[in-house]
Amino acid sequence: MIRDKFIAFIFIISACVAASSLNAATIPARTTITVRTLSSISSTDRVGRTFGAQVDQDVVVDGKVVVKAGTKTLVKIQSSGALPRGSKALTLDLTSISVNGRDVAVKTNSFEPASPKTVRGKRAGQISIGTFVVQPRSKMQFQLTQAVTL
């Protein structure tokens, strides 16, 4: 009796694993993913802070939708003006996409929203003057630098 239940349990687990692997898809490198922010992002926010966003357009690979519009994503600040020694341009990275209840890490190019006036200096390099805010529902495009399997 216990043996039969164990065999049935193993069979069900195997079927679930097989079904999920059939649904697995790979998004190739250089694929563009367009997202919209869910909240504002300021050039004074600290580096490393994350913000929620949503995929704005279906991501299609070989004619099949692999990520639907509205899918949750995470955007991370790579550089900002929050450092006390001068400010840098606001730079954002798409770091993960939520697929079937799990966050899948992605590597993308950085996105730099239009920023306030910048000044070059011999000692400081390029710095931004003023605060820049990305408004909620702003559209951003990221390009995958590595293929990702969902």
N, C-alpha and C. Protein backbone atom coordinates (compact mmCIF):
# COMPACT_ATOMS: atom_id res chain seq x y z
N MET A 1 0.82 -1.19 0.00
CA MET A 1 0.00 0.00 0.00
C MET A 1 0.87 1.26 0.00
N ILE A 2 1.84 1.32 0.90
CA ILE A 2 2.73 2.47 0.96
C ILE A 2 3.56 2.54 -0.32
N ARG A 3 3.97 1.40 -0.81
CA ARG A 3 4.76 1.34 -2.05
C ARG A 3 3.95 1.90 -3.21
N ASP A 4 2.68 1.55 -3.32
CA ASP A 4 1.82 2.04 -4.40
C ASP A 4 1.65 3.55 -4.32
N LYS A 5 1.48 4.08 -3.10
CA LYS A 5 1.34 5.52 -2.93
C LYS A 5 2.64 6.24 -3.31
N PHE A 6 3.75 5.64 -2.94
CA PHE A 6 5.05 6.22 -3.27
C PHE A 6 5.25 6.26 -4.78
N ILE A 7 4.92 5.18 -5.45
CA ILE A 7 5.06 5.12 -6.91
C ILE A 7 4.14 6.15 -7.56
N ALA A 8 2.92 6.29 -7.08
CA ALA A 8 1.99 7.27 -7.62
C ALA A 8 2.51 8.68 -7.41
N PHE A 9 3.08 8.94 -6.25
CA PHE A 9 3.65 10.25 -5.94
C PHE A 9 4.80 10.57 -6.89
N ILE A 10 5.70 9.63 -7.09
CA ILE A 10 6.84 9.82 -7.99
C ILE A 10 6.34 10.07 -9.42
N PHE A 11 5.32 9.34 -9.83
CA PHE A 11 4.76 9.51 -11.17
C PHE A 11 4.20 10.93 -11.35
N ILE A 12 3.48 11.41 -10.36
CA ILE A 12 2.89 12.76 -10.44
C ILE A 12 3.98 13.82 -10.49
N ILE A 13 5.00 13.68 -9.67
CA ILE A 13 6.11 14.63 -9.67
C ILE A 13 6.81 14.61 -11.02
N SER A 14 7.04 13.43 -11.58
CA SER A 14 7.70 13.31 -12.89
C SER A 14 6.86 13.98 -13.97
N ALA A 15 5.56 13.79 -13.91
CA ALA A 15 4.66 14.39 -14.91
C ALA A 15 4.71 15.91 -14.81
N CYS A 16 4.75 16.45 -13.60
CA CYS A 16 4.83 17.90 -13.41
C CYS A 16 6.14 18.46 -13.95
N VAL A 17 7.23 17.78 -13.68
CA VAL A 17 8.54 18.22 -14.17
C VAL A 17 8.55 18.17 -15.70
N ALA A 18 8.03 17.11 -16.27
CA ALA A 18 7.99 16.99 -17.74
C ALA A 18 7.13 18.08 -18.35
N ALA A 19 6.00 18.37 -17.74
CA ALA A 19 5.12 19.42 -18.26
C ALA A 19 5.77 20.78 -18.18
N SER A 20 6.47 21.07 -17.09
CA SER A 20 7.11 22.37 -16.97
C SER A 20 8.27 22.52 -17.93
N SER A 21 8.98 21.43 -18.23
CA SER A 21 10.09 21.53 -19.17
C SER A 21 9.57 21.71 -20.60
N LEU A 22 8.37 21.23 -20.90
CA LEU A 22 7.77 21.45 -22.21
C LEU A 22 7.42 22.91 -22.40
N ASN A 23 7.09 23.60 -21.32
CA ASN A 23 6.73 25.01 -21.38
C ASN A 23 7.95 25.92 -21.34
N ALA A 24 9.15 25.36 -21.07
CA ALA A 24 10.35 26.17 -20.97
C ALA A 24 10.65 26.80 -22.33
N ALA A 25 11.09 28.04 -22.29
CA ALA A 25 11.45 28.76 -23.51
C ALA A 25 12.73 29.53 -23.26
N THR A 26 13.48 29.74 -24.31
CA THR A 26 14.70 30.53 -24.21
C THR A 26 14.53 31.80 -25.00
N ILE A 27 14.81 32.91 -24.34
CA ILE A 27 14.78 34.21 -25.02
C ILE A 27 16.22 34.51 -25.42
N PRO A 28 16.48 34.70 -26.71
CA PRO A 28 17.86 34.90 -27.15
C PRO A 28 18.43 36.25 -26.71
N ALA A 29 19.76 36.30 -26.65
CA ALA A 29 20.46 37.56 -26.39
C ALA A 29 20.06 38.55 -27.47
N ARG A 30 20.13 39.83 -27.15
CA ARG A 30 19.78 40.95 -28.02
C ARG A 30 18.28 41.14 -28.21
N THR A 31 17.46 40.35 -27.50
CA THR A 31 16.02 40.57 -27.54
C THR A 31 15.69 41.81 -26.72
N THR A 32 14.83 42.67 -27.27
CA THR A 32 14.43 43.89 -26.56
C THR A 32 13.19 43.60 -25.71
N ILE A 33 13.25 44.03 -24.46
CA ILE A 33 12.13 43.89 -23.53
C ILE A 33 11.73 45.31 -23.10
N THR A 34 10.48 45.66 -23.38
CA THR A 34 9.97 46.98 -23.03
C THR A 34 9.15 46.86 -21.75
N VAL A 35 9.47 47.70 -20.78
CA VAL A 35 8.75 47.69 -19.49
C VAL A 35 8.24 49.09 -19.18
N ARG A 36 7.25 49.14 -18.27
CA ARG A 36 6.74 50.40 -17.73
C ARG A 36 6.95 50.39 -16.22
N THR A 37 7.39 51.53 -15.69
CA THR A 37 7.62 51.64 -14.25
C THR A 37 6.30 51.65 -13.51
N LEU A 38 6.31 51.16 -12.28
CA LEU A 38 5.11 51.18 -11.44
C LEU A 38 5.15 52.32 -10.43
N SER A 39 6.34 52.87 -10.19
CA SER A 39 6.48 53.98 -9.26
C SER A 39 7.54 54.93 -9.80
N SER A 40 7.69 56.07 -9.14
CA SER A 40 8.70 57.02 -9.60
C SER A 40 10.09 56.57 -9.16
N ILE A 41 11.07 56.95 -9.96
CA ILE A 41 12.48 56.65 -9.68
C ILE A 41 13.23 57.97 -9.79
N SER A 42 13.98 58.33 -8.75
CA SER A 42 14.67 59.61 -8.72
C SER A 42 16.18 59.42 -8.88
N SER A 43 16.80 60.41 -9.49
CA SER A 43 18.26 60.37 -9.63
C SER A 43 18.95 60.50 -8.27
N THR A 44 18.19 60.80 -7.21
CA THR A 44 18.78 60.88 -5.87
C THR A 44 18.58 59.58 -5.08
N ASP A 45 17.87 58.59 -5.66
CA ASP A 45 17.72 57.29 -4.99
C ASP A 45 19.06 56.58 -4.97
N ARG A 46 19.27 55.79 -3.94
CA ARG A 46 20.57 55.12 -3.77
C ARG A 46 20.79 54.01 -4.78
N VAL A 47 22.05 53.80 -5.12
CA VAL A 47 22.45 52.71 -6.00
C VAL A 47 22.06 51.39 -5.34
N GLY A 48 21.53 50.46 -6.12
CA GLY A 48 21.14 49.15 -5.61
C GLY A 48 19.65 49.06 -5.28
N ARG A 49 18.99 50.20 -5.15
CA ARG A 49 17.55 50.17 -4.86
C ARG A 49 16.81 49.56 -6.04
N THR A 50 15.77 48.78 -5.74
CA THR A 50 14.99 48.13 -6.80
C THR A 50 13.58 48.70 -6.85
N PHE A 51 13.01 48.61 -8.04
CA PHE A 51 11.67 49.12 -8.30
C PHE A 51 10.91 48.12 -9.15
N GLY A 52 9.61 48.03 -8.92
CA GLY A 52 8.77 47.17 -9.73
C GLY A 52 8.45 47.81 -11.07
N ALA A 53 8.30 46.96 -12.07
CA ALA A 53 7.89 47.39 -13.39
C ALA A 53 7.10 46.25 -14.01
N GLN A 54 6.46 46.51 -15.14
CA GLN A 54 5.70 45.48 -15.85
C GLN A 54 6.11 45.46 -17.31
N VAL A 55 6.14 44.26 -17.89
CA VAL A 55 6.41 44.14 -19.32
C VAL A 55 5.29 44.88 -20.05
N ASP A 56 5.67 45.76 -20.98
CA ASP A 56 4.70 46.60 -21.69
C ASP A 56 4.14 45.91 -22.94
N GLN A 57 4.96 45.08 -23.58
CA GLN A 57 4.55 44.39 -24.81
C GLN A 57 4.94 42.93 -24.69
N ASP A 58 4.10 42.04 -25.25
CA ASP A 58 4.45 40.62 -25.27
C ASP A 58 5.85 40.43 -25.84
N VAL A 59 6.60 39.48 -25.25
CA VAL A 59 7.89 39.10 -25.80
C VAL A 59 7.65 37.83 -26.61
N VAL A 60 7.94 37.90 -27.90
CA VAL A 60 7.64 36.80 -28.81
C VAL A 60 8.95 36.20 -29.34
N VAL A 61 9.06 34.87 -29.26
CA VAL A 61 10.21 34.14 -29.79
C VAL A 61 9.67 33.06 -30.72
N ASP A 62 10.14 33.06 -31.96
CA ASP A 62 9.71 32.08 -32.97
C ASP A 62 8.19 32.02 -33.08
N GLY A 63 7.55 33.18 -33.04
CA GLY A 63 6.11 33.25 -33.21
C GLY A 63 5.30 32.86 -31.99
N LYS A 64 5.96 32.57 -30.88
CA LYS A 64 5.28 32.15 -29.65
C LYS A 64 5.50 33.20 -28.56
N VAL A 65 4.42 33.59 -27.88
CA VAL A 65 4.53 34.54 -26.77
C VAL A 65 5.16 33.80 -25.58
N VAL A 66 6.34 34.27 -25.15
CA VAL A 66 7.03 33.61 -24.04
C VAL A 66 6.92 34.42 -22.75
N VAL A 67 6.68 35.73 -22.88
CA VAL A 67 6.43 36.60 -21.72
C VAL A 67 5.30 37.53 -22.12
N LYS A 68 4.22 37.49 -21.36
CA LYS A 68 3.04 38.30 -21.68
C LYS A 68 3.18 39.72 -21.14
N ALA A 69 2.56 40.65 -21.83
CA ALA A 69 2.47 42.03 -21.34
C ALA A 69 1.81 41.99 -19.97
N GLY A 70 2.30 42.80 -19.05
CA GLY A 70 1.76 42.83 -17.69
C GLY A 70 2.56 41.98 -16.71
N THR A 71 3.49 41.17 -17.22
CA THR A 71 4.33 40.35 -16.36
C THR A 71 5.19 41.25 -15.48
N LYS A 72 5.30 40.89 -14.20
CA LYS A 72 6.08 41.69 -13.25
C LYS A 72 7.58 41.53 -13.51
N THR A 73 8.29 42.65 -13.33
CA THR A 73 9.75 42.65 -13.48
C THR A 73 10.34 43.49 -12.36
N LEU A 74 11.65 43.45 -12.25
CA LEU A 74 12.37 44.23 -11.25
C LEU A 74 13.45 45.05 -11.95
N VAL A 75 13.51 46.34 -11.65
CA VAL A 75 14.51 47.25 -12.20
C VAL A 75 15.39 47.72 -11.04
N LYS A 76 16.70 47.79 -11.28
CA LYS A 76 17.65 48.15 -10.22
C LYS A 76 18.48 49.36 -10.65
N ILE A 77 18.73 50.26 -9.71
CA ILE A 77 19.56 51.43 -9.99
C ILE A 77 21.03 51.00 -9.99
N GLN A 78 21.71 51.26 -11.10
CA GLN A 78 23.14 50.95 -11.21
C GLN A 78 23.98 52.15 -10.84
N SER A 79 23.53 53.36 -11.20
CA SER A 79 24.24 54.57 -10.78
C SER A 79 23.21 55.68 -10.62
N SER A 80 23.53 56.62 -9.74
CA SER A 80 22.61 57.73 -9.48
C SER A 80 23.38 58.87 -8.84
N GLY A 81 22.66 59.94 -8.59
CA GLY A 81 23.27 61.11 -7.96
C GLY A 81 23.22 61.06 -6.45
N ALA A 82 22.95 59.90 -5.86
CA ALA A 82 22.81 59.80 -4.41
C ALA A 82 24.15 59.81 -3.68
N LEU A 83 25.23 59.67 -4.41
CA LEU A 83 26.54 59.65 -3.76
C LEU A 83 26.92 61.06 -3.32
N PRO A 84 27.55 61.19 -2.17
CA PRO A 84 27.86 62.52 -1.65
C PRO A 84 28.92 63.27 -2.45
N ARG A 85 29.73 62.59 -3.24
CA ARG A 85 30.83 63.25 -3.96
C ARG A 85 30.48 63.53 -5.41
N GLY A 86 29.42 64.24 -5.65
CA GLY A 86 29.04 64.55 -7.02
C GLY A 86 28.06 63.52 -7.53
N SER A 87 27.34 63.88 -8.55
CA SER A 87 26.30 62.99 -9.02
C SER A 87 26.64 62.41 -10.38
N LYS A 88 26.16 61.22 -10.60
CA LYS A 88 26.30 60.56 -11.89
C LYS A 88 24.92 60.46 -12.51
N ALA A 89 24.92 60.17 -13.79
CA ALA A 89 23.64 60.03 -14.48
C ALA A 89 22.88 58.83 -13.92
N LEU A 90 21.56 58.93 -13.90
CA LEU A 90 20.71 57.84 -13.45
C LEU A 90 20.79 56.72 -14.48
N THR A 91 21.18 55.53 -14.04
CA THR A 91 21.32 54.37 -14.92
C THR A 91 20.59 53.19 -14.28
N LEU A 92 19.76 52.50 -15.07
CA LEU A 92 18.92 51.42 -14.57
C LEU A 92 19.19 50.12 -15.32
N ASP A 93 19.04 48.99 -14.62
CA ASP A 93 19.15 47.66 -15.24
C ASP A 93 17.88 46.87 -14.93
N LEU A 94 17.43 46.09 -15.91
CA LEU A 94 16.36 45.12 -15.68
C LEU A 94 17.05 43.90 -15.09
N THR A 95 16.62 43.46 -13.89
CA THR A 95 17.35 42.38 -13.22
C THR A 95 16.59 41.06 -13.16
N SER A 96 15.24 41.10 -13.22
CA SER A 96 14.51 39.83 -13.18
C SER A 96 13.13 39.98 -13.78
N ILE A 97 12.60 38.83 -14.22
CA ILE A 97 11.25 38.73 -14.75
C ILE A 97 10.55 37.64 -13.97
N SER A 98 9.32 37.88 -13.53
CA SER A 98 8.56 36.89 -12.77
C SER A 98 7.84 35.96 -13.75
N VAL A 99 8.18 34.67 -13.69
CA VAL A 99 7.58 33.68 -14.59
C VAL A 99 7.06 32.52 -13.76
N ASN A 100 5.78 32.25 -13.88
CA ASN A 100 5.14 31.14 -13.14
C ASN A 100 5.46 31.19 -11.65
N GLY A 101 5.42 32.40 -11.08
CA GLY A 101 5.60 32.54 -9.64
C GLY A 101 7.04 32.55 -9.16
N ARG A 102 8.00 32.52 -10.08
CA ARG A 102 9.41 32.58 -9.66
C ARG A 102 10.12 33.68 -10.44
N ASP A 103 11.07 34.31 -9.77
CA ASP A 103 11.83 35.39 -10.40
C ASP A 103 13.01 34.78 -11.16
N VAL A 104 13.08 35.10 -12.45
CA VAL A 104 14.16 34.61 -13.30
C VAL A 104 15.13 35.77 -13.53
N ALA A 105 16.39 35.58 -13.14
CA ALA A 105 17.40 36.63 -13.31
C ALA A 105 17.69 36.84 -14.79
N VAL A 106 17.85 38.10 -15.17
CA VAL A 106 18.21 38.45 -16.54
C VAL A 106 19.37 39.43 -16.51
N LYS A 107 20.16 39.43 -17.58
CA LYS A 107 21.25 40.40 -17.74
C LYS A 107 20.93 41.23 -18.98
N THR A 108 20.90 42.55 -18.78
CA THR A 108 20.54 43.46 -19.86
C THR A 108 21.55 44.59 -19.96
N ASN A 109 21.43 45.34 -21.06
CA ASN A 109 22.18 46.58 -21.13
C ASN A 109 21.55 47.55 -20.14
N SER A 110 22.26 48.60 -19.82
CA SER A 110 21.72 49.60 -18.90
C SER A 110 20.88 50.60 -19.68
N PHE A 111 19.86 51.12 -19.01
CA PHE A 111 18.99 52.14 -19.59
C PHE A 111 19.27 53.44 -18.86
N GLU A 112 19.50 54.50 -19.62
CA GLU A 112 19.75 55.81 -19.02
C GLU A 112 18.67 56.76 -19.49
N PRO A 113 17.69 57.05 -18.62
CA PRO A 113 16.63 57.97 -19.03
C PRO A 113 17.21 59.35 -19.33
N ALA A 114 16.48 60.12 -20.11
CA ALA A 114 16.90 61.49 -20.38
C ALA A 114 17.17 62.16 -19.04
N SER A 115 18.27 62.85 -18.95
CA SER A 115 18.64 63.41 -17.65
C SER A 115 18.85 64.91 -17.76
N PRO A 116 18.98 65.56 -16.60
CA PRO A 116 19.23 67.00 -16.62
C PRO A 116 20.60 67.30 -17.21
N LYS A 117 20.90 68.57 -17.35
CA LYS A 117 22.15 69.02 -17.93
C LYS A 117 23.35 68.35 -17.26
N THR A 118 24.33 67.95 -18.08
CA THR A 118 25.55 67.37 -17.53
C THR A 118 26.73 68.29 -17.81
N VAL A 119 27.71 68.22 -16.94
CA VAL A 119 28.90 69.05 -17.05
C VAL A 119 30.11 68.14 -16.95
N ARG A 120 31.11 68.42 -17.75
CA ARG A 120 32.36 67.66 -17.66
C ARG A 120 33.38 68.49 -16.89
N GLY A 121 34.13 67.80 -16.03
CA GLY A 121 35.18 68.47 -15.29
C GLY A 121 36.42 67.61 -15.29
N LYS A 122 37.59 68.24 -15.17
CA LYS A 122 38.85 67.48 -15.20
C LYS A 122 38.91 66.47 -14.05
N ARG A 123 38.44 66.86 -12.88
CA ARG A 123 38.57 65.98 -11.71
C ARG A 123 37.35 65.09 -11.53
N ALA A 124 36.17 65.55 -11.91
CA ALA A 124 34.94 64.82 -11.59
C ALA A 124 34.46 63.93 -12.72
N GLY A 125 35.00 64.10 -13.92
CA GLY A 125 34.44 63.35 -15.04
C GLY A 125 33.12 64.00 -15.42
N GLN A 126 32.12 63.20 -15.73
CA GLN A 126 30.81 63.76 -16.11
C GLN A 126 29.88 63.71 -14.90
N ILE A 127 29.28 64.84 -14.57
CA ILE A 127 28.32 64.88 -13.45
C ILE A 127 27.03 65.50 -13.93
N SER A 128 25.94 65.16 -13.27
CA SER A 128 24.63 65.72 -13.59
C SER A 128 24.31 66.84 -12.64
N ILE A 129 23.61 67.84 -13.16
CA ILE A 129 23.20 68.97 -12.34
C ILE A 129 21.69 68.89 -12.16
N GLY A 130 21.23 68.89 -10.92
CA GLY A 130 19.80 68.84 -10.64
C GLY A 130 19.30 67.42 -10.46
N THR A 131 18.04 67.33 -10.07
CA THR A 131 17.40 66.03 -9.81
C THR A 131 16.53 65.67 -11.01
N PHE A 132 16.56 64.40 -11.35
CA PHE A 132 15.74 63.89 -12.44
C PHE A 132 14.84 62.80 -11.89
N VAL A 133 13.56 62.80 -12.27
CA VAL A 133 12.62 61.80 -11.78
C VAL A 133 11.96 61.10 -12.97
N VAL A 134 12.00 59.77 -12.95
CA VAL A 134 11.27 58.96 -13.92
C VAL A 134 9.88 58.77 -13.33
N GLN A 135 8.88 59.20 -14.04
CA GLN A 135 7.51 59.14 -13.55
C GLN A 135 6.93 57.72 -13.66
N PRO A 136 5.95 57.38 -12.80
CA PRO A 136 5.27 56.09 -12.94
C PRO A 136 4.68 55.95 -14.34
N ARG A 137 4.66 54.75 -14.84
CA ARG A 137 4.14 54.39 -16.17
C ARG A 137 5.07 54.81 -17.30
N SER A 138 6.32 55.22 -16.96
CA SER A 138 7.30 55.56 -18.00
C SER A 138 7.77 54.29 -18.68
N LYS A 139 7.96 54.38 -19.97
CA LYS A 139 8.38 53.24 -20.78
C LYS A 139 9.90 53.21 -20.89
N MET A 140 10.48 52.03 -20.71
CA MET A 140 11.93 51.84 -20.84
C MET A 140 12.19 50.58 -21.66
N GLN A 141 13.24 50.60 -22.46
CA GLN A 141 13.60 49.43 -23.26
C GLN A 141 14.96 48.92 -22.83
N PHE A 142 15.00 47.62 -22.60
CA PHE A 142 16.24 46.95 -22.24
C PHE A 142 16.52 45.87 -23.28
N GLN A 143 17.80 45.60 -23.52
CA GLN A 143 18.16 44.55 -24.44
C GLN A 143 18.95 43.49 -23.68
N LEU A 144 18.53 42.22 -23.82
CA LEU A 144 19.23 41.13 -23.15
C LEU A 144 20.66 41.03 -23.66
N THR A 145 21.61 40.91 -22.74
CA THR A 145 23.01 40.70 -23.13
C THR A 145 23.36 39.22 -23.12
N GLN A 146 22.51 38.41 -22.47
CA GLN A 146 22.67 36.96 -22.44
C GLN A 146 21.30 36.32 -22.65
N ALA A 147 21.29 35.16 -23.30
CA ALA A 147 20.04 34.41 -23.44
C ALA A 147 19.55 34.01 -22.06
N VAL A 148 18.24 33.89 -21.93
CA VAL A 148 17.65 33.49 -20.65
C VAL A 148 16.63 32.39 -20.89
N THR A 149 16.69 31.34 -20.07
CA THR A 149 15.72 30.25 -20.16
C THR A 149 14.70 30.44 -19.07
N LEU A 150 13.45 30.45 -19.48
CA LEU A 150 12.35 30.65 -18.53
C LEU A 150 11.85 29.34 -17.99
